Amino acid sequence: MAYKITDNCVSCGQCQPECPVEAISEGSPYKIDPKKCTDCGACAAVCPTEAIIKG
């Protein structure tokens, strides 16, 4: 199950460079492409607002 970004996202950008498959795109909030997400959790580990959850 892919991760998703909730409304708690403050668009800080810390998650995007952590994604090894470039599944995260900028926005408010940022978005994760569920077709690309490999469920590694790297993005969730660096999110300062805990906005990234298993979807």
N, C-alpha and C. Protein backbone atom coordinates (compact mmCIF):
# COMPACT_ATOMS: atom_id res chain seq x y z
N MET A 1 0.84 -1.18 0.00
CA MET A 1 0.00 0.00 0.00
C MET A 1 0.89 1.25 0.00
N ALA A 2 0.64 2.13 -0.91
CA ALA A 2 1.45 3.35 -1.07
C ALA A 2 1.23 4.32 0.08
N TYR A 3 2.23 5.16 0.30
CA TYR A 3 2.10 6.23 1.27
C TYR A 3 1.30 7.37 0.65
N LYS A 4 0.71 8.21 1.50
CA LYS A 4 0.01 9.39 1.01
C LYS A 4 0.32 10.55 1.94
N ILE A 5 0.14 11.76 1.43
CA ILE A 5 0.44 12.97 2.18
C ILE A 5 -0.88 13.62 2.59
N THR A 6 -1.03 13.87 3.87
CA THR A 6 -2.27 14.45 4.40
C THR A 6 -2.22 15.97 4.38
N ASP A 7 -3.30 16.58 4.83
CA ASP A 7 -3.40 18.04 4.88
C ASP A 7 -2.47 18.66 5.92
N ASN A 8 -1.81 17.84 6.72
CA ASN A 8 -0.83 18.36 7.68
C ASN A 8 0.46 18.82 6.99
N CYS A 9 0.58 18.54 5.69
CA CYS A 9 1.76 18.91 4.92
C CYS A 9 1.91 20.43 4.88
N VAL A 10 3.13 20.91 5.17
CA VAL A 10 3.41 22.34 5.13
C VAL A 10 4.27 22.68 3.91
N SER A 11 4.38 21.76 2.98
CA SER A 11 5.13 21.94 1.73
C SER A 11 6.58 22.37 1.96
N CYS A 12 7.22 21.75 2.93
CA CYS A 12 8.61 22.12 3.27
C CYS A 12 9.61 21.54 2.27
N GLY A 13 9.23 20.45 1.59
CA GLY A 13 10.10 19.87 0.58
C GLY A 13 11.11 18.85 1.07
N GLN A 14 11.11 18.53 2.35
CA GLN A 14 12.11 17.59 2.86
C GLN A 14 11.90 16.17 2.34
N CYS A 15 10.69 15.81 2.03
CA CYS A 15 10.40 14.44 1.58
C CYS A 15 10.84 14.17 0.15
N GLN A 16 10.69 15.15 -0.71
CA GLN A 16 10.91 14.93 -2.15
C GLN A 16 12.29 14.36 -2.49
N PRO A 17 13.39 14.91 -1.98
CA PRO A 17 14.70 14.34 -2.34
C PRO A 17 14.96 12.96 -1.73
N GLU A 18 14.17 12.56 -0.74
CA GLU A 18 14.36 11.25 -0.10
C GLU A 18 13.76 10.10 -0.91
N CYS A 19 12.85 10.42 -1.82
CA CYS A 19 12.16 9.37 -2.58
C CYS A 19 13.07 8.79 -3.66
N PRO A 20 13.38 7.50 -3.58
CA PRO A 20 14.29 6.89 -4.55
C PRO A 20 13.68 6.69 -5.94
N VAL A 21 12.36 6.79 -6.05
CA VAL A 21 11.70 6.57 -7.34
C VAL A 21 11.01 7.83 -7.87
N GLU A 22 11.30 8.96 -7.25
CA GLU A 22 10.75 10.26 -7.66
C GLU A 22 9.23 10.25 -7.78
N ALA A 23 8.56 9.68 -6.77
CA ALA A 23 7.10 9.60 -6.78
C ALA A 23 6.43 10.82 -6.17
N ILE A 24 7.21 11.73 -5.59
CA ILE A 24 6.64 12.89 -4.90
C ILE A 24 6.75 14.13 -5.78
N SER A 25 5.61 14.84 -5.90
CA SER A 25 5.60 16.06 -6.69
C SER A 25 5.19 17.24 -5.82
N GLU A 26 5.71 18.42 -6.18
CA GLU A 26 5.44 19.63 -5.41
C GLU A 26 3.97 20.02 -5.50
N GLY A 27 3.52 20.70 -4.46
CA GLY A 27 2.16 21.20 -4.42
C GLY A 27 1.83 21.62 -3.00
N SER A 28 0.61 21.93 -2.79
CA SER A 28 0.16 22.29 -1.45
C SER A 28 -1.14 21.55 -1.16
N PRO A 29 -1.11 20.37 -0.59
CA PRO A 29 0.09 19.67 -0.13
C PRO A 29 0.82 18.96 -1.28
N TYR A 30 2.02 18.49 -0.96
CA TYR A 30 2.76 17.66 -1.92
C TYR A 30 1.94 16.41 -2.20
N LYS A 31 2.22 15.73 -3.31
CA LYS A 31 1.48 14.53 -3.69
C LYS A 31 2.45 13.37 -3.94
N ILE A 32 1.98 12.16 -3.64
CA ILE A 32 2.73 10.94 -3.92
C ILE A 32 1.96 10.15 -4.97
N ASP A 33 2.64 9.80 -6.05
CA ASP A 33 2.03 8.99 -7.10
C ASP A 33 1.98 7.55 -6.62
N PRO A 34 0.79 7.02 -6.35
CA PRO A 34 0.70 5.65 -5.81
C PRO A 34 1.20 4.58 -6.77
N LYS A 35 1.24 4.89 -8.06
CA LYS A 35 1.74 3.92 -9.04
C LYS A 35 3.26 3.81 -9.00
N LYS A 36 3.93 4.87 -8.56
CA LYS A 36 5.39 4.87 -8.48
C LYS A 36 5.90 4.48 -7.09
N CYS A 37 5.13 4.77 -6.06
CA CYS A 37 5.55 4.54 -4.67
C CYS A 37 5.88 3.07 -4.43
N THR A 38 7.05 2.82 -3.85
CA THR A 38 7.48 1.45 -3.56
C THR A 38 7.31 1.09 -2.09
N ASP A 39 6.65 1.97 -1.32
CA ASP A 39 6.34 1.69 0.08
C ASP A 39 7.59 1.59 0.95
N CYS A 40 8.63 2.37 0.62
CA CYS A 40 9.88 2.27 1.38
C CYS A 40 9.84 3.06 2.70
N GLY A 41 9.03 4.11 2.76
CA GLY A 41 8.90 4.88 3.99
C GLY A 41 9.95 5.95 4.22
N ALA A 42 10.85 6.14 3.27
CA ALA A 42 11.91 7.15 3.44
C ALA A 42 11.32 8.55 3.62
N CYS A 43 10.26 8.84 2.90
CA CYS A 43 9.64 10.16 2.98
C CYS A 43 9.02 10.39 4.36
N ALA A 44 8.33 9.39 4.86
CA ALA A 44 7.67 9.52 6.16
C ALA A 44 8.69 9.72 7.29
N ALA A 45 9.84 9.12 7.14
CA ALA A 45 10.88 9.21 8.18
C ALA A 45 11.42 10.63 8.35
N VAL A 46 11.37 11.45 7.28
CA VAL A 46 11.93 12.80 7.37
C VAL A 46 10.86 13.89 7.51
N CYS A 47 9.60 13.54 7.47
CA CYS A 47 8.53 14.54 7.52
C CYS A 47 8.42 15.15 8.93
N PRO A 48 8.66 16.48 9.04
CA PRO A 48 8.63 17.11 10.36
C PRO A 48 7.23 17.25 10.97
N THR A 49 6.19 17.14 10.14
CA THR A 49 4.82 17.29 10.65
C THR A 49 4.05 15.97 10.69
N GLU A 50 4.75 14.88 10.40
CA GLU A 50 4.14 13.55 10.36
C GLU A 50 2.91 13.51 9.43
N ALA A 51 3.03 14.22 8.30
CA ALA A 51 1.94 14.32 7.35
C ALA A 51 1.87 13.15 6.37
N ILE A 52 2.89 12.29 6.37
CA ILE A 52 2.95 11.19 5.42
C ILE A 52 2.59 9.89 6.14
N ILE A 53 1.53 9.25 5.64
CA ILE A 53 1.02 8.04 6.28
C ILE A 53 0.83 6.95 5.24
N LYS A 54 0.73 5.72 5.71
CA LYS A 54 0.39 4.62 4.79
C LYS A 54 -1.05 4.81 4.36
N GLY A 55 -1.26 4.73 3.05
CA GLY A 55 -2.58 5.03 2.52
C GLY A 55 -3.37 3.83 2.18
